[in-house]
Structure formats: structure tokens, C-alpha cells
Amino acid sequence: MARVILLTDFSEEYAKRLLKGIVMYAKTDTTVPWVLCKMPLSYPAVHGTRGVCEWALRWGADAIIGQFYPDDDVDEFARNGIIAIAQDFKKRFTTIPNITGEHYEAGRMGASYFISKGYRNFAFYGFGEVVWSQERCEGFKHELKENGLADNYFEYTNVDFKELWYYEPAPLINWLKKLPKPVALMACDDNQGHHIAELCKSYGLHIPQQIALLGVDNDEAICSLSDPPLSSIDQAVEKGGYDAAHMLDVLIHSPGRAGAEPRNVYVKPTHIVTRQSTDIYATEDKYISEVLQYIHRNINKPLHVSELAALVPLSRRLLETKFRDITGSPVYNYIFNLRMDKFAQKLVRSDATIGEIAAELGLTDHNNIARQFRRIKGCTPSEYRSLHSPSK
């Protein structure tokens, strides 16, 4: 039997999804039964790392997965024969493995998303001394630079991580007001995206018309609490929990075997869930904006250029020309790529078969789906699902 302590903030969706992946492994693929103990964050706050370690020894713990502060003596666990894995919190540890994320790629994904929606002004809001915020910011800036848009970038990253509850900092309000509009703003996570949404509502800044707002983690409770609902980058969190549990299982029961060395587990960003906070295209052409909004809201239905042209006072040829000039893509290519993005999302979030998902999205050419998907995503649908879903 293996005894594992889980020390995290179980009120957060990210921690719950990690736990889901851990439990999935513990119930289906462990070499021996697991016993899981959920320890509240209040315990180390009162007793310190040593107190946690002493309790773990009394309980007979084999391992602990937890949120640790940078100054916590995490080596205390190893000195007492307990395997420790750190959940991303403020920094990555060097002496124990981390469940961390490909944060840089998440930042690039956010910037690419906004660029594809036609924005030319960009901003990032986050923390200056927190690894996941810093790297998302760096990825965001890099993608802008790669696309020649670095001169239109604005950053606010001096917020104090200890004052997450504080909603009225005058410098932040002034920064939001002074940003050139429309602007595409990526927050370092959903909590801070909600923070920005509340400030905008309080001070008369309109989302998404003036500020298109994107978070990270796809915490559905936080995203729906925001007004309007917050778009967010989803991540393969359950797979991260599953992979961490698999590594623990090997370290506990087969420490000497090849490939049993401690390693960081990386949670990958998978796709963007679009809600009302970004449900707009940054173009001054009201007709193309209307067509784009119609495409996004009806992407599961058959769409034809003649149908789109009937929405606006433009000929089919003029619509196609203006659409390509503004989006950089022909109408049918834009629709197809958007369907492929939705297809990728459903591969990760749904248990439906690949054929069922394709039919739901109007992708009827089943023989070419895998080839077309590989061309856009770099792998087949089944490979993509395996990469981003919990599995051995």
C-alpha cells in the first residue's frame, strides 16, 4: 500500500483537476492500492514544513504532492525518506521535481489568438516574481515580436502577489484607462482576469469592445463569475496529475529501474475557450465584424459564402476580398481552421469518438480529416487526444 499526502488549495479548480488525474491513476493503474490524505494549507501555515514532515512520518507517508513557498525546506522530506513533488506556486524547485507548466507556450498561444482576431494593441497583466506569470508574459511578448507587433505592447507586472484581494490600486486603474483602444489584454490567470473585469465594470471600460480579455486555466466558476464571462486558455491539468502519480508510483516501488529518476511534469496548454470577453474581432469594418461574429456563433452548422454575403450589403466577391485583406485568410480557410480548433478542443474534453466529433462540427470528409488535422496541428487526432488526455 502507498500513502500519499496532497497539500494544496482544494478550493481552486486547477488543484481539483490535478486531484482528478491523480485519483484516476490511483484507481486504475497503480501497482498497489493508494491511500490519499488531503492536508489543508492551514496545517503548514501553523506547523511549518517540519511539522508537516513529522505528521507524515507518524502517518507512514511515502510521498507528498504540495504547494510549497520558496523558503520552505523541502529537502526535509528527502532526509526522512519521503518523496516530495512541488505543485507550481511561486517558483520551480531544483532539488525536488515540480508539477509545472509550459507557461511560455501559453503566453504565445494567447498572443497568437489575439493577433488572429485582428488586434494591433496588446497588454499583459500579472505578477513580476512568480514563475508561471513571468513565463506567460515572456511568451506573449515573444509572439508579438515575431509578428512585428512589439511596439504596440504594454505591461503591468508589479502587482503584489500577497494582495490578490485588493481591487482598487489607482496605478492599475490609470494604466487600464490609458491603454490605446481597442486593446487585447492577457491576464496571467483567471483570477486576475476576473480582477480586471471587475475594475473595467466599475470604471466604465467596456469588455470586449474596448478591452478584449483573456485568462488562463479555464476555471469555469471564475470565468462565469466575470461579467462578461471570461475567455481562457485551457490546459491538460488532469494529464499532469495522472503523469505525476505515475512518476510517484515508479519512484516508490521501482526506484532503481531505468527511467525512474525524478523529473518535472509539464502541464501543456491545449486550446482557448472563447466566451464573451473576447467574442469580437478587432476591425473597424462593421460588415466583416458582423460576418466574423456570425461564423463563430454558428461554426457547428454548414456555412457558405453566399449565406454570409446575404448578412451584409456586400457582393460575394467584395466580401471575399475584404475578408482576406482583414483576416489574412480566405473565408473557407478561416472557417475550416476554426472548425479544426473546435475539433481539437472536443478531442480533449469529450469522450466521443473522432468520427462523432467530426460529424458534430460538419467535418464530413472523414477520409481526409486525419491528414488535414496533421497539417494544422502537427499530429493525427488520435495522437493529439493521447498527448493531452490522462493515459499511461
Protein backbone atom coordinates (compact mmCIF):
# COMPACT_ATOMS: atom_id res chain seq x y z
CA MET A 1 0.00 0.00 0.00
CA ALA A 2 1.20 3.54 -0.80
CA ARG A 3 0.32 6.54 1.36
CA VAL A 4 0.34 9.92 -0.39
CA ILE A 5 -0.34 13.37 1.11
CA LEU A 6 -1.95 16.03 -1.09
CA LEU A 7 -1.17 19.52 0.23
CA THR A 8 -2.85 22.17 -1.92
CA ASP A 9 -5.68 24.69 -2.16
CA PHE A 10 -8.62 22.42 -2.91
CA SER A 11 -10.91 25.41 -3.47
CA GLU A 12 -9.16 26.12 -6.79
CA GLU A 13 -10.24 24.39 -9.99
CA TYR A 14 -6.62 23.76 -11.04
CA ALA A 15 -5.96 21.76 -7.85
CA LYS A 16 -9.22 19.85 -8.26
CA ARG A 17 -8.30 18.86 -11.81
CA LEU A 18 -4.84 17.76 -10.68
CA LEU A 19 -6.52 15.68 -8.00
CA LYS A 20 -8.83 14.17 -10.61
CA GLY A 21 -5.85 12.99 -12.63
CA ILE A 22 -4.09 11.63 -9.54
CA VAL A 23 -7.20 9.74 -8.46
CA MET A 24 -7.68 8.39 -11.99
CA TYR A 25 -4.24 6.84 -11.82
CA ALA A 26 -4.66 5.66 -8.23
CA LYS A 27 -7.89 3.83 -9.07
CA THR A 28 -6.87 2.21 -12.32
CA ASP A 29 -3.13 1.86 -12.85
CA THR A 30 -1.19 1.65 -9.58
CA THR A 31 0.92 -1.37 -8.77
CA VAL A 32 -0.54 -1.40 -5.21
CA PRO A 33 -3.54 0.33 -3.59
CA TRP A 34 -3.12 4.01 -2.67
CA VAL A 35 -4.38 5.89 0.37
CA LEU A 36 -4.71 9.65 -0.24
CA CYS A 37 -4.70 12.23 2.56
CA LYS A 38 -5.92 15.75 1.72
CA MET A 39 -3.98 18.10 4.01
CA PRO A 40 -5.22 21.72 4.21
CA LEU A 41 -2.80 24.57 3.56
CA SER A 42 -3.54 25.84 7.07
CA TYR A 43 -1.50 22.96 8.55
CA PRO A 44 1.93 24.06 7.27
CA ALA A 45 0.97 27.67 7.95
CA VAL A 46 0.71 26.74 11.65
CA HIS A 47 3.26 23.93 11.98
CA GLY A 48 5.77 24.68 9.21
CA THR A 49 7.46 22.23 6.86
CA ARG A 50 9.00 20.34 9.76
CA GLY A 51 5.58 19.89 11.35
CA VAL A 52 4.20 18.53 8.06
CA CYS A 53 7.12 16.12 7.82
CA GLU A 54 6.67 14.95 11.41
CA TRP A 55 2.97 14.25 10.81
CA ALA A 56 3.81 12.47 7.54
CA LEU A 57 6.25 10.19 9.40
CA ARG A 58 3.67 9.36 12.07
CA TRP A 59 1.13 8.51 9.32
CA GLY A 60 3.67 6.46 7.40
CA ALA A 61 3.56 8.59 4.24
CA ASP A 62 5.54 7.51 1.20
CA ALA A 63 5.16 10.77 -0.70
CA ILE A 64 3.70 14.28 -0.68
CA ILE A 65 2.50 16.48 -3.54
CA GLY A 66 2.12 20.06 -2.35
CA GLN A 67 2.24 23.81 -2.71
CA PHE A 68 5.46 24.98 -1.10
CA TYR A 69 6.83 28.50 -0.57
CA PRO A 70 10.30 29.33 -1.93
CA ASP A 71 11.79 29.43 1.57
CA ASP A 72 10.27 26.10 2.67
CA ASP A 73 12.89 23.47 3.49
CA VAL A 74 11.56 20.89 1.04
CA ASP A 75 14.72 18.79 1.47
CA GLU A 76 13.36 17.89 4.92
CA PHE A 77 11.19 15.28 3.23
CA ALA A 78 14.07 13.56 1.42
CA ARG A 79 16.10 13.47 4.64
CA ASN A 80 13.24 11.47 6.15
CA GLY A 81 12.73 9.12 3.21
CA ILE A 82 9.59 10.84 1.84
CA ILE A 83 9.30 11.64 -1.87
CA ALA A 84 8.14 15.24 -2.45
CA ILE A 85 6.76 16.86 -5.60
CA ALA A 86 6.06 20.60 -5.72
CA GLN A 87 2.90 21.95 -7.37
CA ASP A 88 3.65 25.16 -9.28
CA PHE A 89 3.19 28.05 -6.87
CA LYS A 90 5.80 30.83 -7.00
CA LYS A 91 8.95 29.20 -8.36
CA ARG A 92 10.31 25.85 -9.52
CA PHE A 93 12.42 23.95 -7.04
CA THR A 94 15.76 22.46 -8.10
CA THR A 95 16.11 19.68 -5.52
CA ILE A 96 12.67 18.08 -5.94
CA PRO A 97 10.53 17.56 -9.06
CA ASN A 98 7.77 20.02 -9.93
CA ILE A 99 4.31 19.76 -11.44
CA THR A 100 4.71 22.85 -13.54
CA GLY A 101 3.52 24.10 -16.90
CA GLU A 102 4.61 25.09 -20.37
CA HIS A 103 3.82 28.66 -19.39
CA TYR A 104 5.87 30.24 -22.17
CA GLU A 105 3.78 28.36 -24.75
CA ALA A 106 0.58 29.53 -23.05
CA GLY A 107 1.73 33.12 -23.46
CA ARG A 108 2.49 32.56 -27.13
CA MET A 109 -0.89 30.91 -27.62
CA GLY A 110 -2.64 33.93 -26.08
CA ALA A 111 -0.80 36.40 -28.29
CA SER A 112 -1.37 34.33 -31.43
CA TYR A 113 -5.08 34.14 -30.62
CA PHE A 114 -5.36 37.92 -30.34
CA ILE A 115 -3.28 38.51 -33.46
CA SER A 116 -5.60 36.21 -35.42
CA LYS A 117 -8.55 38.31 -34.26
CA GLY A 118 -7.04 41.43 -35.82
CA TYR A 119 -5.73 43.27 -32.75
CA ARG A 120 -2.82 45.68 -33.02
CA ASN A 121 -2.59 46.85 -29.39
CA PHE A 122 -1.67 44.32 -26.70
CA ALA A 123 -1.24 44.24 -22.94
CA PHE A 124 -0.29 41.76 -20.20
CA TYR A 125 -1.25 41.90 -16.54
CA GLY A 126 0.45 39.70 -13.95
CA PHE A 127 3.00 39.22 -11.20
CA GLY A 128 6.66 40.15 -11.51
CA GLU A 129 8.19 37.45 -9.31
CA VAL A 130 6.04 34.37 -9.96
CA VAL A 131 7.40 31.86 -12.46
CA TRP A 132 4.14 31.00 -14.21
CA SER A 133 3.22 34.67 -14.64
CA GLN A 134 6.70 35.70 -15.78
CA GLU A 135 6.97 32.98 -18.39
CA ARG A 136 3.47 33.58 -19.76
CA CYS A 137 4.41 37.24 -20.10
CA GLU A 138 7.67 36.37 -21.87
CA GLY A 139 5.90 34.04 -24.30
CA PHE A 140 3.25 36.67 -25.00
CA LYS A 141 5.90 39.29 -25.79
CA HIS A 142 7.94 36.89 -27.93
CA GLU A 143 4.98 36.05 -30.16
CA LEU A 144 4.26 39.76 -30.65
CA LYS A 145 7.90 40.39 -31.55
CA GLU A 146 7.88 37.51 -34.04
CA ASN A 147 4.91 39.18 -35.75
CA GLY A 148 6.37 42.69 -35.75
CA LEU A 149 3.96 43.97 -33.10
CA ALA A 150 6.28 44.53 -30.12
CA ASP A 151 5.99 48.32 -30.36
CA ASN A 152 2.29 48.13 -29.51
CA TYR A 153 2.77 46.21 -26.23
CA PHE A 154 2.01 47.40 -22.68
CA GLU A 155 2.76 45.58 -19.44
CA TYR A 156 1.67 45.78 -15.80
CA THR A 157 3.55 43.22 -13.70
CA ASN A 158 4.34 44.99 -10.42
CA VAL A 159 1.23 43.80 -8.60
CA ASP A 160 2.00 42.28 -5.18
CA PHE A 161 1.25 38.54 -5.12
CA LYS A 162 0.26 38.87 -1.45
CA GLU A 163 -2.57 41.33 -2.20
CA LEU A 164 -4.77 39.26 -4.51
CA TRP A 165 -7.88 40.61 -2.79
CA TYR A 166 -7.04 44.30 -3.36
CA TYR A 167 -9.24 45.69 -6.13
CA GLU A 168 -8.66 49.43 -6.05
CA PRO A 169 -5.00 50.22 -6.85
CA ALA A 170 -5.02 53.63 -8.53
CA PRO A 171 -1.97 52.92 -10.77
CA LEU A 172 -3.69 49.87 -12.26
CA ILE A 173 -6.90 51.78 -12.95
CA ASN A 174 -4.94 54.60 -14.60
CA TRP A 175 -2.98 52.06 -16.66
CA LEU A 176 -6.20 50.47 -17.93
CA LYS A 177 -7.68 53.85 -18.82
CA LYS A 178 -4.57 54.96 -20.73
CA LEU A 179 -4.21 51.81 -22.84
CA PRO A 180 -4.90 52.52 -26.54
CA LYS A 181 -8.27 51.07 -27.51
CA PRO A 182 -9.22 48.56 -28.67
CA VAL A 183 -6.62 46.51 -26.82
CA ALA A 184 -6.16 42.76 -26.34
CA LEU A 185 -5.23 42.07 -22.70
CA MET A 186 -3.97 38.73 -21.41
CA ALA A 187 -4.10 38.21 -17.65
CA CYS A 188 -1.67 35.75 -16.05
CA ASP A 189 -4.57 33.58 -14.82
CA ASP A 190 -8.35 33.55 -14.49
CA ASN A 191 -8.36 35.14 -11.03
CA GLN A 192 -6.51 38.16 -12.33
CA GLY A 193 -8.68 38.20 -15.45
CA HIS A 194 -11.70 38.45 -13.16
CA HIS A 195 -9.91 41.22 -11.24
CA ILE A 196 -9.52 43.23 -14.46
CA ALA A 197 -13.14 42.55 -15.47
CA GLU A 198 -14.42 43.91 -12.14
CA LEU A 199 -12.29 47.04 -12.43
CA CYS A 200 -13.46 47.65 -16.00
CA LYS A 201 -17.09 47.32 -14.91
CA SER A 202 -16.54 49.73 -12.01
CA TYR A 203 -14.84 52.39 -14.11
CA GLY A 204 -16.86 52.26 -17.32
CA LEU A 205 -14.41 50.39 -19.55
CA HIS A 206 -16.27 48.10 -21.93
CA ILE A 207 -15.35 44.44 -22.46
CA PRO A 208 -14.79 43.30 -25.20
CA GLN A 209 -15.43 46.47 -27.22
CA GLN A 210 -12.55 48.42 -25.64
CA ILE A 211 -10.63 45.68 -23.85
CA ALA A 212 -10.68 42.06 -25.04
CA LEU A 213 -9.76 39.98 -22.00
CA LEU A 214 -8.19 36.51 -21.79
CA GLY A 215 -7.27 34.43 -18.74
CA VAL A 216 -5.50 31.10 -18.17
CA ASP A 217 -6.68 27.83 -16.53
CA ASN A 218 -10.31 27.79 -17.74
CA ASP A 219 -11.68 27.79 -14.19
CA GLU A 220 -15.35 27.67 -15.19
CA ALA A 221 -16.60 29.10 -11.87
CA ILE A 222 -14.29 32.13 -12.11
CA CYS A 223 -14.88 32.56 -15.85
CA SER A 224 -18.67 32.56 -15.41
CA LEU A 225 -18.42 34.88 -12.39
CA SER A 226 -16.79 37.53 -14.58
CA ASP A 227 -19.07 39.95 -16.38
CA PRO A 228 -18.95 39.32 -19.28
CA PRO A 229 -17.85 35.68 -18.99
CA LEU A 230 -14.09 35.31 -19.35
CA SER A 231 -12.33 33.57 -22.25
CA SER A 232 -9.48 31.40 -21.07
CA ILE A 233 -6.62 29.12 -22.13
CA ASP A 234 -7.40 25.56 -21.09
CA GLN A 235 -4.66 23.15 -20.06
CA ALA A 236 -4.22 19.38 -19.81
CA VAL A 237 -4.26 19.54 -16.00
CA GLU A 238 -5.76 16.09 -15.42
CA LYS A 239 -2.99 14.58 -17.53
CA GLY A 240 -0.45 16.43 -15.39
CA GLY A 241 -1.94 14.88 -12.26
CA TYR A 242 -2.00 11.45 -13.86
CA ASP A 243 1.62 11.72 -15.03
CA ALA A 244 2.77 12.93 -11.61
CA ALA A 245 1.02 9.98 -9.95
CA HIS A 246 2.62 7.58 -12.42
CA MET A 247 6.06 9.00 -11.62
CA LEU A 248 5.41 8.65 -7.90
CA ASP A 249 4.31 5.06 -8.35
CA VAL A 250 7.57 4.24 -10.13
CA LEU A 251 9.71 6.13 -7.59
CA ILE A 252 8.02 4.39 -4.65
CA HIS A 253 8.04 0.84 -5.96
CA SER A 254 10.75 0.66 -8.63
CA PRO A 255 13.31 3.32 -7.68
CA GLY A 256 16.22 1.52 -9.31
CA ARG A 257 14.72 0.82 -12.70
CA ALA A 258 15.65 2.72 -15.86
CA GLY A 259 13.65 5.92 -16.26
CA ALA A 260 12.78 6.09 -12.57
CA GLU A 261 14.62 9.35 -11.92
CA PRO A 262 12.62 12.30 -10.53
CA ARG A 263 11.64 14.73 -13.27
CA ASN A 264 9.45 17.75 -13.77
CA VAL A 265 5.92 17.07 -15.02
CA TYR A 266 4.76 19.70 -17.52
CA VAL A 267 1.09 20.64 -17.96
CA LYS A 268 0.53 21.69 -21.57
CA PRO A 269 -1.82 24.43 -22.79
CA THR A 270 -4.30 22.82 -25.18
CA HIS A 271 -6.78 25.34 -26.56
CA ILE A 272 -8.65 28.58 -25.91
CA VAL A 273 -12.25 28.53 -24.73
CA THR A 274 -13.85 31.64 -26.22
CA ARG A 275 -16.52 33.38 -24.16
CA GLN A 276 -17.96 36.89 -24.39
CA SER A 277 -14.84 38.68 -23.10
CA THR A 278 -13.13 38.12 -26.48
CA ASP A 279 -16.16 37.47 -28.67
CA ILE A 280 -15.36 40.25 -31.09
CA TYR A 281 -13.00 40.86 -33.96
CA ALA A 282 -10.82 43.97 -33.83
CA THR A 283 -11.69 45.57 -37.13
CA GLU A 284 -13.30 48.90 -37.86
CA ASP A 285 -15.15 47.33 -40.78
CA LYS A 286 -18.56 46.68 -39.27
CA TYR A 287 -19.62 44.31 -42.07
CA ILE A 288 -16.62 42.00 -41.69
CA SER A 289 -17.04 42.14 -37.91
CA GLU A 290 -20.68 41.08 -38.31
CA VAL A 291 -19.70 38.20 -40.60
CA LEU A 292 -16.97 37.04 -38.21
CA GLN A 293 -19.29 37.04 -35.24
CA TYR A 294 -21.84 35.02 -37.23
CA ILE A 295 -19.17 32.47 -38.21
CA HIS A 296 -18.03 31.99 -34.59
CA ARG A 297 -21.58 31.60 -33.29
CA ASN A 298 -22.61 29.13 -35.99
CA ILE A 299 -19.43 27.16 -36.50
CA ASN A 300 -21.23 23.84 -35.85
CA LYS A 301 -23.56 24.48 -38.82
CA PRO A 302 -22.88 24.31 -42.57
CA LEU A 303 -21.64 27.74 -43.68
CA HIS A 304 -21.43 29.07 -47.24
CA VAL A 305 -20.03 32.33 -48.58
CA SER A 306 -23.35 33.18 -50.27
CA GLU A 307 -25.09 32.83 -46.89
CA LEU A 308 -22.54 35.16 -45.27
CA ALA A 309 -22.82 37.69 -48.09
CA ALA A 310 -26.57 37.83 -47.53
CA LEU A 311 -25.95 39.15 -44.00
CA VAL A 312 -24.34 42.39 -45.18
CA PRO A 313 -24.70 44.81 -48.11
CA LEU A 314 -21.66 43.43 -49.95
CA SER A 315 -21.36 41.35 -53.08
CA ARG A 316 -19.82 37.92 -52.68
CA ARG A 317 -16.64 38.99 -54.46
CA LEU A 318 -16.26 42.17 -52.38
CA LEU A 319 -16.91 40.22 -49.17
CA GLU A 320 -14.24 37.66 -50.06
CA THR A 321 -11.73 40.40 -50.94
CA LYS A 322 -12.34 42.45 -47.78
CA PHE A 323 -12.37 39.33 -45.61
CA ARG A 324 -8.97 38.20 -46.94
CA ASP A 325 -7.48 41.69 -46.59
CA ILE A 326 -8.59 42.00 -42.95
CA THR A 327 -8.08 38.46 -41.63
CA GLY A 328 -5.28 37.34 -43.95
CA SER A 329 -7.27 34.22 -44.83
CA PRO A 330 -9.93 33.27 -47.40
CA VAL A 331 -13.39 32.73 -45.93
CA TYR A 332 -13.42 28.96 -46.34
CA ASN A 333 -9.91 28.58 -44.90
CA TYR A 334 -10.89 30.67 -41.89
CA ILE A 335 -13.99 28.53 -41.28
CA PHE A 336 -12.06 25.29 -41.73
CA ASN A 337 -9.25 26.32 -39.36
CA LEU A 338 -11.78 27.42 -36.75
CA ARG A 339 -13.55 24.05 -37.02
CA MET A 340 -10.22 22.29 -36.56
CA ASP A 341 -9.60 24.33 -33.39
CA LYS A 342 -13.02 23.31 -32.08
CA PHE A 343 -12.30 19.74 -33.13
CA ALA A 344 -9.07 19.77 -31.08
CA GLN A 345 -10.92 21.14 -28.06
CA LYS A 346 -13.52 18.40 -28.18
CA LEU A 347 -10.89 15.69 -28.59
CA VAL A 348 -9.54 16.64 -25.16
CA ARG A 349 -12.78 17.48 -23.35
CA SER A 350 -15.12 14.82 -24.79
CA ASP A 351 -15.22 11.02 -24.75
CA ALA A 352 -17.00 10.92 -28.12
CA THR A 353 -15.33 9.10 -30.98
CA ILE A 354 -13.30 11.03 -33.53
CA GLY A 355 -16.00 10.36 -36.15
CA GLU A 356 -18.77 11.62 -33.86
CA ILE A 357 -16.88 14.83 -33.10
CA ALA A 358 -16.17 15.42 -36.79
CA ALA A 359 -19.84 14.95 -37.69
CA GLU A 360 -20.91 17.33 -34.92
CA LEU A 361 -18.69 20.05 -36.40
CA GLY A 362 -19.73 19.46 -40.00
CA LEU A 363 -16.41 17.88 -40.99
CA THR A 364 -17.86 15.36 -43.40
CA ASP A 365 -14.78 14.33 -45.37
CA HIS A 366 -13.79 11.59 -42.93
CA ASN A 367 -11.07 10.19 -45.20
CA ASN A 368 -9.10 13.44 -45.14
CA ILE A 369 -9.68 14.58 -41.54
CA ALA A 370 -6.55 12.94 -40.10
CA ARG A 371 -4.38 14.32 -42.92
CA GLN A 372 -5.85 17.81 -42.62
CA PHE A 373 -5.61 17.78 -38.84
CA ARG A 374 -1.96 16.73 -39.01
CA ARG A 375 -1.24 19.56 -41.43
CA ILE A 376 -2.59 22.13 -38.95
CA LYS A 377 -1.75 20.59 -35.57
CA GLY A 378 1.30 18.53 -36.43
CA CYS A 379 -0.19 15.16 -35.38
CA THR A 380 -3.23 12.96 -36.02
CA PRO A 381 -6.45 13.40 -33.98
CA SER A 382 -5.78 10.19 -32.03
CA GLU A 383 -2.20 11.31 -31.28
CA TYR A 384 -3.46 14.72 -30.16
CA ARG A 385 -6.02 13.13 -27.83
CA SER A 386 -3.39 10.78 -26.39
CA LEU A 387 -0.94 13.66 -25.88
CA HIS A 388 -3.37 15.85 -23.93
CA SER A 389 -5.55 13.29 -22.10
CA PRO A 390 -4.60 11.23 -19.00
CA SER A 391 -3.08 7.91 -20.02
CA LYS A 392 -0.05 5.77 -19.40
